[in-house]
């Protein structure tokens, strides 16, 4: 009777890992997706900030008065910090 637990013991850890693998894999995939979504949102905000800044520079260059133009609008990235 003592031989049975010795045979089951090495496989129990493997079976446990195999049973837990789908959940662990899904959790890791979800973490990766959240990180990627955050990175994409930051890049999008930065791209929008650059577009706003360039539009402001274009408007200032087109201003024939040549006076001091107001500061460009606050960036979305800076506002979210």
PDB file of N, CA and C in Angstrom:
ATOM      1  N   UNK A   1       0.802  -1.200   0.000  1.00  0.00           N
ATOM      2  CA  UNK A   1       0.000   0.000   0.000  1.00  0.00           C
ATOM      3  C   UNK A   1       0.847   1.266   0.000  1.00  0.00           C
ATOM      4  N   UNK A   2       2.020   1.208   0.510  1.00  0.00           N
ATOM      5  CA  UNK A   2       2.848   2.406   0.556  1.00  0.00           C
ATOM      6  C   UNK A   2       3.417   2.752  -0.824  1.00  0.00           C
ATOM      7  N   UNK A   3       3.382   1.842  -1.793  1.00  0.00           N
ATOM      8  CA  UNK A   3       3.912   2.110  -3.125  1.00  0.00           C
ATOM      9  C   UNK A   3       2.997   3.046  -3.923  1.00  0.00           C
ATOM     10  N   UNK A   4       1.720   3.038  -3.690  1.00  0.00           N
ATOM     11  CA  UNK A   4       0.784   3.863  -4.446  1.00  0.00           C
ATOM     12  C   UNK A   4       1.014   5.361  -4.233  1.00  0.00           C
ATOM     13  N   UNK A   5       1.152   5.859  -2.983  1.00  0.00           N
ATOM     14  CA  UNK A   5       1.401   7.290  -2.820  1.00  0.00           C
ATOM     15  C   UNK A   5       2.702   7.741  -3.483  1.00  0.00           C
ATOM     16  N   UNK A   6       3.706   6.893  -3.550  1.00  0.00           N
ATOM     17  CA  UNK A   6       4.956   7.270  -4.203  1.00  0.00           C
ATOM     18  C   UNK A   6       4.763   7.448  -5.708  1.00  0.00           C
ATOM     19  N   UNK A   7       3.913   6.646  -6.325  1.00  0.00           N
ATOM     20  CA  UNK A   7       3.660   6.763  -7.753  1.00  0.00           C
ATOM     21  C   UNK A   7       2.767   7.963  -8.072  1.00  0.00           C
ATOM     22  N   UNK A   8       1.849   8.278  -7.196  1.00  0.00           N
ATOM     23  CA  UNK A   8       0.929   9.393  -7.427  1.00  0.00           C
ATOM     24  C   UNK A   8       1.618  10.716  -7.135  1.00  0.00           C
ATOM     25  N   UNK A   9       2.485  10.753  -6.192  1.00  0.00           N
ATOM     26  CA  UNK A   9       3.123  11.983  -5.746  1.00  0.00           C
ATOM     27  C   UNK A   9       3.830  12.756  -6.861  1.00  0.00           C
ATOM     28  N   UNK A  10       4.667  12.144  -7.695  1.00  0.00           N
ATOM     29  CA  UNK A  10       5.338  12.923  -8.735  1.00  0.00           C
ATOM     30  C   UNK A  10       4.371  13.491  -9.771  1.00  0.00           C
ATOM     31  N   UNK A  11       3.265  12.825  -9.999  1.00  0.00           N
ATOM     32  CA  UNK A  11       2.314  13.283 -11.005  1.00  0.00           C
ATOM     33  C   UNK A  11       1.324  14.311 -10.462  1.00  0.00           C
ATOM     34  N   UNK A  12       1.157  14.364  -9.155  1.00  0.00           N
ATOM     35  CA  UNK A  12       0.164  15.288  -8.605  1.00  0.00           C
ATOM     36  C   UNK A  12       0.546  16.740  -8.880  1.00  0.00           C
ATOM     37  N   UNK A  13       1.824  17.082  -8.762  1.00  0.00           N
ATOM     38  CA  UNK A  13       2.251  18.454  -9.059  1.00  0.00           C
ATOM     39  C   UNK A  13       2.050  18.797 -10.522  1.00  0.00           C
ATOM     40  N   UNK A  14       2.370  17.865 -11.386  1.00  0.00           N
ATOM     41  CA  UNK A  14       2.193  18.078 -12.819  1.00  0.00           C
ATOM     42  C   UNK A  14       0.718  18.246 -13.159  1.00  0.00           C
ATOM     43  N   UNK A  15      -0.115  17.406 -12.593  1.00  0.00           N
ATOM     44  CA  UNK A  15      -1.556  17.503 -12.864  1.00  0.00           C
ATOM     45  C   UNK A  15      -2.130  18.815 -12.332  1.00  0.00           C
ATOM     46  N   UNK A  16      -1.649  19.227 -11.175  1.00  0.00           N
ATOM     47  CA  UNK A  16      -2.118  20.503 -10.621  1.00  0.00           C
ATOM     48  C   UNK A  16      -1.741  21.658 -11.551  1.00  0.00           C
ATOM     49  N   UNK A  17      -0.494  21.659 -12.018  1.00  0.00           N
ATOM     50  CA  UNK A  17      -0.068  22.726 -12.933  1.00  0.00           C
ATOM     51  C   UNK A  17      -0.844  22.692 -14.242  1.00  0.00           C
ATOM     52  N   UNK A  18      -1.122  21.512 -14.735  1.00  0.00           N
ATOM     53  CA  UNK A  18      -1.898  21.406 -15.970  1.00  0.00           C
ATOM     54  C   UNK A  18      -3.331  21.898 -15.777  1.00  0.00           C
ATOM     55  N   UNK A  19      -3.898  21.642 -14.605  1.00  0.00           N
ATOM     56  CA  UNK A  19      -5.262  22.113 -14.323  1.00  0.00           C
ATOM     57  C   UNK A  19      -5.291  23.624 -14.155  1.00  0.00           C
ATOM     58  N   UNK A  20      -4.247  24.205 -13.587  1.00  0.00           N
ATOM     59  CA  UNK A  20      -4.226  25.648 -13.320  1.00  0.00           C
ATOM     60  C   UNK A  20      -3.731  26.464 -14.512  1.00  0.00           C
ATOM     61  N   UNK A  21      -3.151  25.803 -15.507  1.00  0.00           N
ATOM     62  CA  UNK A  21      -2.561  26.518 -16.626  1.00  0.00           C
ATOM     63  C   UNK A  21      -3.541  27.418 -17.384  1.00  0.00           C
ATOM     64  N   UNK A  22      -4.755  26.973 -17.742  1.00  0.00           N
ATOM     65  CA  UNK A  22      -5.640  27.862 -18.510  1.00  0.00           C
ATOM     66  C   UNK A  22      -5.973  29.161 -17.768  1.00  0.00           C
ATOM     67  N   UNK A  23      -6.221  29.059 -16.478  1.00  0.00           N
ATOM     68  CA  UNK A  23      -6.543  30.263 -15.711  1.00  0.00           C
ATOM     69  C   UNK A  23      -5.340  31.188 -15.623  1.00  0.00           C
ATOM     70  N   UNK A  24      -4.182  30.644 -15.350  1.00  0.00           N
ATOM     71  CA  UNK A  24      -2.967  31.463 -15.259  1.00  0.00           C
ATOM     72  C   UNK A  24      -2.655  32.113 -16.603  1.00  0.00           C
ATOM     73  N   UNK A  25      -2.847  31.373 -17.670  1.00  0.00           N
ATOM     74  CA  UNK A  25      -2.603  31.908 -19.009  1.00  0.00           C
ATOM     75  C   UNK A  25      -3.557  33.055 -19.329  1.00  0.00           C
ATOM     76  N   UNK A  26      -4.820  32.889 -18.965  1.00  0.00           N
ATOM     77  CA  UNK A  26      -5.815  33.936 -19.205  1.00  0.00           C
ATOM     78  C   UNK A  26      -5.497  35.181 -18.395  1.00  0.00           C
ATOM     79  N   UNK A  27      -5.101  35.011 -17.154  1.00  0.00           N
ATOM     80  CA  UNK A  27      -4.754  36.164 -16.315  1.00  0.00           C
ATOM     81  C   UNK A  27      -3.556  36.921 -16.895  1.00  0.00           C
ATOM     82  N   UNK A  28      -2.554  36.196 -17.350  1.00  0.00           N
ATOM     83  CA  UNK A  28      -1.384  36.843 -17.945  1.00  0.00           C
ATOM     84  C   UNK A  28      -1.752  37.560 -19.236  1.00  0.00           C
ATOM     85  N   UNK A  29      -2.601  36.954 -20.037  1.00  0.00           N
ATOM     86  CA  UNK A  29      -3.047  37.590 -21.281  1.00  0.00           C
ATOM     87  C   UNK A  29      -3.821  38.874 -20.982  1.00  0.00           C
ATOM     88  N   UNK A  30      -4.636  38.840 -19.932  1.00  0.00           N
ATOM     89  CA  UNK A  30      -5.392  40.040 -19.556  1.00  0.00           C
ATOM     90  C   UNK A  30      -4.458  41.149 -19.087  1.00  0.00           C
ATOM     91  N   UNK A  31      -3.452  40.784 -18.288  1.00  0.00           N
ATOM     92  CA  UNK A  31      -2.466  41.786 -17.847  1.00  0.00           C
ATOM     93  C   UNK A  31      -1.753  42.397 -19.046  1.00  0.00           C
ATOM     94  N   UNK A  32      -1.333  41.549 -19.985  1.00  0.00           N
ATOM     95  CA  UNK A  32      -0.646  42.041 -21.178  1.00  0.00           C
ATOM     96  C   UNK A  32      -1.539  42.989 -21.975  1.00  0.00           C
ATOM     97  N   UNK A  33      -2.818  42.651 -22.088  1.00  0.00           N
ATOM     98  CA  UNK A  33      -3.750  43.502 -22.829  1.00  0.00           C
ATOM     99  C   UNK A  33      -3.941  44.849 -22.136  1.00  0.00           C
ATOM    100  N   UNK A  34      -4.014  44.859 -20.821  1.00  0.00           N
ATOM    101  CA  UNK A  34      -4.160  46.127 -20.099  1.00  0.00           C
ATOM    102  C   UNK A  34      -2.927  47.005 -20.276  1.00  0.00           C
ATOM    103  N   UNK A  35      -1.753  46.396 -20.233  1.00  0.00           N
ATOM    104  CA  UNK A  35      -0.516  47.153 -20.422  1.00  0.00           C
ATOM    105  C   UNK A  35      -0.461  47.724 -21.839  1.00  0.00           C
ATOM    106  N   UNK A  36      -0.834  46.912 -22.820  1.00  0.00           N
ATOM    107  CA  UNK A  36      -0.830  47.371 -24.209  1.00  0.00           C
ATOM    108  C   UNK A  36      -1.845  48.490 -24.425  1.00  0.00           C
ATOM    109  N   UNK A  37      -3.019  48.369 -23.829  1.00  0.00           N
ATOM    110  CA  UNK A  37      -4.045  49.410 -23.971  1.00  0.00           C
ATOM    111  C   UNK A  37      -3.577  50.721 -23.353  1.00  0.00           C
ATOM    112  N   UNK A  38      -2.903  50.637 -22.212  1.00  0.00           N
ATOM    113  CA  UNK A  38      -2.375  51.835 -21.570  1.00  0.00           C
ATOM    114  C   UNK A  38      -1.309  52.494 -22.438  1.00  0.00           C
ATOM    115  N   UNK A  39      -0.421  51.687 -22.992  1.00  0.00           N
ATOM    116  CA  UNK A  39       0.629  52.227 -23.865  1.00  0.00           C
ATOM    117  C   UNK A  39       0.020  52.887 -25.102  1.00  0.00           C
ATOM    118  N   UNK A  40      -0.989  52.258 -25.679  1.00  0.00           N
ATOM    119  CA  UNK A  40      -1.653  52.832 -26.860  1.00  0.00           C
ATOM    120  C   UNK A  40      -2.337  54.153 -26.517  1.00  0.00           C
ATOM    121  N   UNK A  41      -2.976  54.211 -25.375  1.00  0.00           N
ATOM    122  CA  UNK A  41      -3.655  55.446 -24.961  1.00  0.00           C
ATOM    123  C   UNK A  41      -2.638  56.564 -24.733  1.00  0.00           C
ATOM    124  N   UNK A  42      -1.501  56.238 -24.140  1.00  0.00           N
ATOM    125  CA  UNK A  42      -0.466  57.255 -23.926  1.00  0.00           C
ATOM    126  C   UNK A  42       0.082  57.760 -25.261  1.00  0.00           C
ATOM    127  N   UNK A  43       0.324  56.844 -26.193  1.00  0.00           N
ATOM    128  CA  UNK A  43       0.819  57.256 -27.517  1.00  0.00           C
ATOM    129  C   UNK A  43      -0.207  58.121 -28.237  1.00  0.00           C
ATOM    130  N   UNK A  44      -1.481  57.744 -28.118  1.00  0.00           N
ATOM    131  CA  UNK A  44      -2.541  58.519 -28.770  1.00  0.00           C
ATOM    132  C   UNK A  44      -2.605  59.924 -28.185  1.00  0.00           C
ATOM    133  N   UNK A  45      -2.510  60.033 -26.862  1.00  0.00           N
ATOM    134  CA  UNK A  45      -2.540  61.350 -26.215  1.00  0.00           C
ATOM    135  C   UNK A  45      -1.344  62.184 -26.654  1.00  0.00           C
ATOM    136  N   UNK A  46      -0.176  61.560 -26.735  1.00  0.00           N
ATOM    137  CA  UNK A  46       1.017  62.287 -27.163  1.00  0.00           C
ATOM    138  C   UNK A  46       0.881  62.742 -28.618  1.00  0.00           C
ATOM    139  N   UNK A  47       0.344  61.869 -29.472  1.00  0.00           N
ATOM    140  CA  UNK A  47       0.133  62.228 -30.879  1.00  0.00           C
ATOM    141  C   UNK A  47      -0.831  63.406 -30.990  1.00  0.00           C
ATOM    142  N   UNK A  48      -1.904  63.390 -30.195  1.00  0.00           N
ATOM    143  CA  UNK A  48      -2.864  64.493 -30.208  1.00  0.00           C
ATOM    144  C   UNK A  48      -2.221  65.784 -29.719  1.00  0.00           C
ATOM    145  N   UNK A  49      -1.370  65.675 -28.695  1.00  0.00           N
ATOM    146  CA  UNK A  49      -0.675  66.859 -28.185  1.00  0.00           C
ATOM    147  C   UNK A  49       0.235  67.464 -29.246  1.00  0.00           C
ATOM    148  N   UNK A  50       0.956  66.613 -29.957  1.00  0.00           N
ATOM    149  CA  UNK A  50       1.838  67.102 -31.015  1.00  0.00           C
ATOM    150  C   UNK A  50       1.019  67.764 -32.118  1.00  0.00           C
ATOM    151  N   UNK A  51      -0.085  67.157 -32.490  1.00  0.00           N
ATOM    152  CA  UNK A  51      -0.946  67.736 -33.526  1.00  0.00           C
ATOM    153  C   UNK A  51      -1.482  69.095 -33.083  1.00  0.00           C
ATOM    154  N   UNK A  52      -1.908  69.208 -31.819  1.00  0.00           N
ATOM    155  CA  UNK A  52      -2.395  70.488 -31.305  1.00  0.00           C
ATOM    156  C   UNK A  52      -1.287  71.543 -31.306  1.00  0.00           C
ATOM    157  N   UNK A  53      -0.089  71.132 -30.897  1.00  0.00           N
ATOM    158  CA  UNK A  53       1.036  72.062 -30.846  1.00  0.00           C
ATOM    159  C   UNK A  53       1.391  72.554 -32.251  1.00  0.00           C
ATOM    160  N   UNK A  54       1.453  71.610 -33.197  1.00  0.00           N
ATOM    161  CA  UNK A  54       1.773  72.006 -34.567  1.00  0.00           C
ATOM    162  C   UNK A  54       0.689  72.890 -35.168  1.00  0.00           C
ATOM    163  N   UNK A  55      -0.566  72.612 -34.858  1.00  0.00           N
ATOM    164  CA  UNK A  55      -1.661  73.461 -35.335  1.00  0.00           C
ATOM    165  C   UNK A  55      -1.538  74.862 -34.740  1.00  0.00           C
ATOM    166  N   UNK A  56      -1.146  74.931 -33.477  1.00  0.00           N
ATOM    167  CA  UNK A  56      -0.960  76.230 -32.830  1.00  0.00           C
ATOM    168  C   UNK A  56       0.187  76.983 -33.495  1.00  0.00           C
ATOM    169  N   UNK A  57       1.271  76.300 -33.801  1.00  0.00           N
ATOM    170  CA  UNK A  57       2.398  76.949 -34.481  1.00  0.00           C
ATOM    171  C   UNK A  57       1.995  77.428 -35.871  1.00  0.00           C
ATOM    172  N   UNK A  58       1.200  76.622 -36.564  1.00  0.00           N
ATOM    173  CA  UNK A  58       0.738  76.996 -37.895  1.00  0.00           C
ATOM    174  C   UNK A  58      -0.150  78.225 -37.830  1.00  0.00           C
ATOM    175  N   UNK A  59      -1.040  78.266 -36.825  1.00  0.00           N
ATOM    176  CA  UNK A  59      -1.912  79.438 -36.642  1.00  0.00           C
ATOM    177  C   UNK A  59      -1.089  80.668 -36.310  1.00  0.00           C
ATOM    178  N   UNK A  60      -0.065  80.521 -35.484  1.00  0.00           N
ATOM    179  CA  UNK A  60       0.771  81.654 -35.095  1.00  0.00           C
ATOM    180  C   UNK A  60       1.573  82.157 -36.296  1.00  0.00           C
ATOM    181  N   UNK A  61       2.026  81.251 -37.153  1.00  0.00           N
ATOM    182  CA  UNK A  61       2.781  81.656 -38.334  1.00  0.00           C
ATOM    183  C   UNK A  61       1.876  82.352 -39.346  1.00  0.00           C
ATOM    184  N   UNK A  62       0.618  81.984 -39.386  1.00  0.00           N
ATOM    185  CA  UNK A  62      -0.323  82.589 -40.326  1.00  0.00           C
ATOM    186  C   UNK A  62      -0.841  83.932 -39.826  1.00  0.00           C
ATOM    187  N   UNK A  63      -0.608  84.264 -38.561  1.00  0.00           N
ATOM    188  CA  UNK A  63      -1.087  85.516 -37.975  1.00  0.00           C
ATOM    189  C   UNK A  63      -0.251  86.671 -38.534  1.00  0.00           C
ATOM    190  N   UNK A  64      -0.845  87.534 -39.358  1.00  0.00           N
ATOM    191  CA  UNK A  64      -0.067  88.622 -39.953  1.00  0.00           C
ATOM    192  C   UNK A  64       0.311  89.704 -38.936  1.00  0.00           C
ATOM    193  N   UNK A  65      -0.389  89.783 -37.803  1.00  0.00           N
ATOM    194  CA  UNK A  65      -0.084  90.811 -36.817  1.00  0.00           C
ATOM    195  C   UNK A  65       1.298  90.597 -36.228  1.00  0.00           C
ATOM    196  N   UNK A  66       1.699  89.354 -36.112  1.00  0.00           N
ATOM    197  CA  UNK A  66       3.036  89.060 -35.612  1.00  0.00           C
ATOM    198  C   UNK A  66       3.210  89.332 -34.137  1.00  0.00           C
ATOM    199  N   UNK A  67       2.151  89.594 -33.448  1.00  0.00           N
ATOM    200  CA  UNK A  67       2.234  89.843 -32.015  1.00  0.00           C
ATOM    201  C   UNK A  67       2.549  88.569 -31.261  1.00  0.00           C
ATOM    202  N   UNK A  68       2.742  88.743 -29.994  1.00  0.00           N
ATOM    203  CA  UNK A  68       3.020  87.579 -29.147  1.00  0.00           C
ATOM    204  C   UNK A  68       1.769  86.708 -29.101  1.00  0.00           C
ATOM    205  N   UNK A  69       1.941  85.484 -29.491  1.00  0.00           N
ATOM    206  CA  UNK A  69       0.788  84.585 -29.492  1.00  0.00           C
ATOM    207  C   UNK A  69       0.646  83.957 -28.110  1.00  0.00           C
ATOM    208  N   UNK A  70      -0.568  83.630 -27.738  1.00  0.00           N
ATOM    209  CA  UNK A  70      -0.746  82.978 -26.434  1.00  0.00           C
ATOM    210  C   UNK A  70      -0.072  81.613 -26.419  1.00  0.00           C
ATOM    211  N   UNK A  71       0.174  81.145 -25.239  1.00  0.00           N
ATOM    212  CA  UNK A  71       0.843  79.847 -25.077  1.00  0.00           C
ATOM    213  C   UNK A  71      -0.026  78.742 -25.666  1.00  0.00           C
ATOM    214  N   UNK A  72       0.612  77.689 -26.170  1.00  0.00           N
ATOM    215  CA  UNK A  72      -0.181  76.574 -26.695  1.00  0.00           C
ATOM    216  C   UNK A  72      -1.010  75.939 -25.577  1.00  0.00           C
ATOM    217  N   UNK A  73      -2.107  75.282 -25.933  1.00  0.00           N
ATOM    218  CA  UNK A  73      -2.960  74.683 -24.911  1.00  0.00           C
ATOM    219  C   UNK A  73      -2.214  73.605 -24.118  1.00  0.00           C
ATOM    220  N   UNK A  74      -2.669  73.402 -22.879  1.00  0.00           N
ATOM    221  CA  UNK A  74      -2.047  72.374 -22.034  1.00  0.00           C
ATOM    222  C   UNK A  74      -2.271  71.010 -22.656  1.00  0.00           C
ATOM    223  N   UNK A  75      -1.250  70.219 -22.615  1.00  0.00           N
ATOM    224  CA  UNK A  75      -1.344  68.891 -23.222  1.00  0.00           C
ATOM    225  C   UNK A  75      -2.272  68.005 -22.407  1.00  0.00           C
ATOM    226  N   UNK A  76      -2.918  67.073 -23.097  1.00  0.00           N
ATOM    227  CA  UNK A  76      -3.793  66.114 -22.409  1.00  0.00           C
ATOM    228  C   UNK A  76      -2.985  65.207 -21.500  1.00  0.00           C
ATOM    229  N   UNK A  77      -1.779  64.858 -21.939  1.00  0.00           N
ATOM    230  CA  UNK A  77      -0.931  63.994 -21.130  1.00  0.00           C
ATOM    231  C   UNK A  77      -0.547  64.691 -19.816  1.00  0.00           C
ATOM    232  N   UNK A  78      -0.238  65.985 -19.886  1.00  0.00           N
ATOM    233  CA  UNK A  78       0.115  66.713 -18.672  1.00  0.00           C
ATOM    234  C   UNK A  78      -1.102  66.908 -17.782  1.00  0.00           C
ATOM    235  N   UNK A  79      -2.271  67.084 -18.390  1.00  0.00           N
ATOM    236  CA  UNK A  79      -3.487  67.283 -17.595  1.00  0.00           C
ATOM    237  C   UNK A  79      -3.882  66.002 -16.857  1.00  0.00           C
ATOM    238  N   UNK A  80      -3.519  64.847 -17.400  1.00  0.00           N
ATOM    239  CA  UNK A  80      -3.895  63.581 -16.781  1.00  0.00           C
ATOM    240  C   UNK A  80      -2.911  63.123 -15.713  1.00  0.00           C
ATOM    241  N   UNK A  81      -1.829  63.828 -15.540  1.00  0.00           N
ATOM    242  CA  UNK A  81      -0.828  63.419 -14.549  1.00  0.00           C
ATOM    243  C   UNK A  81      -1.202  63.862 -13.171  1.00  0.00           C
TER     244      UNK A  81
END
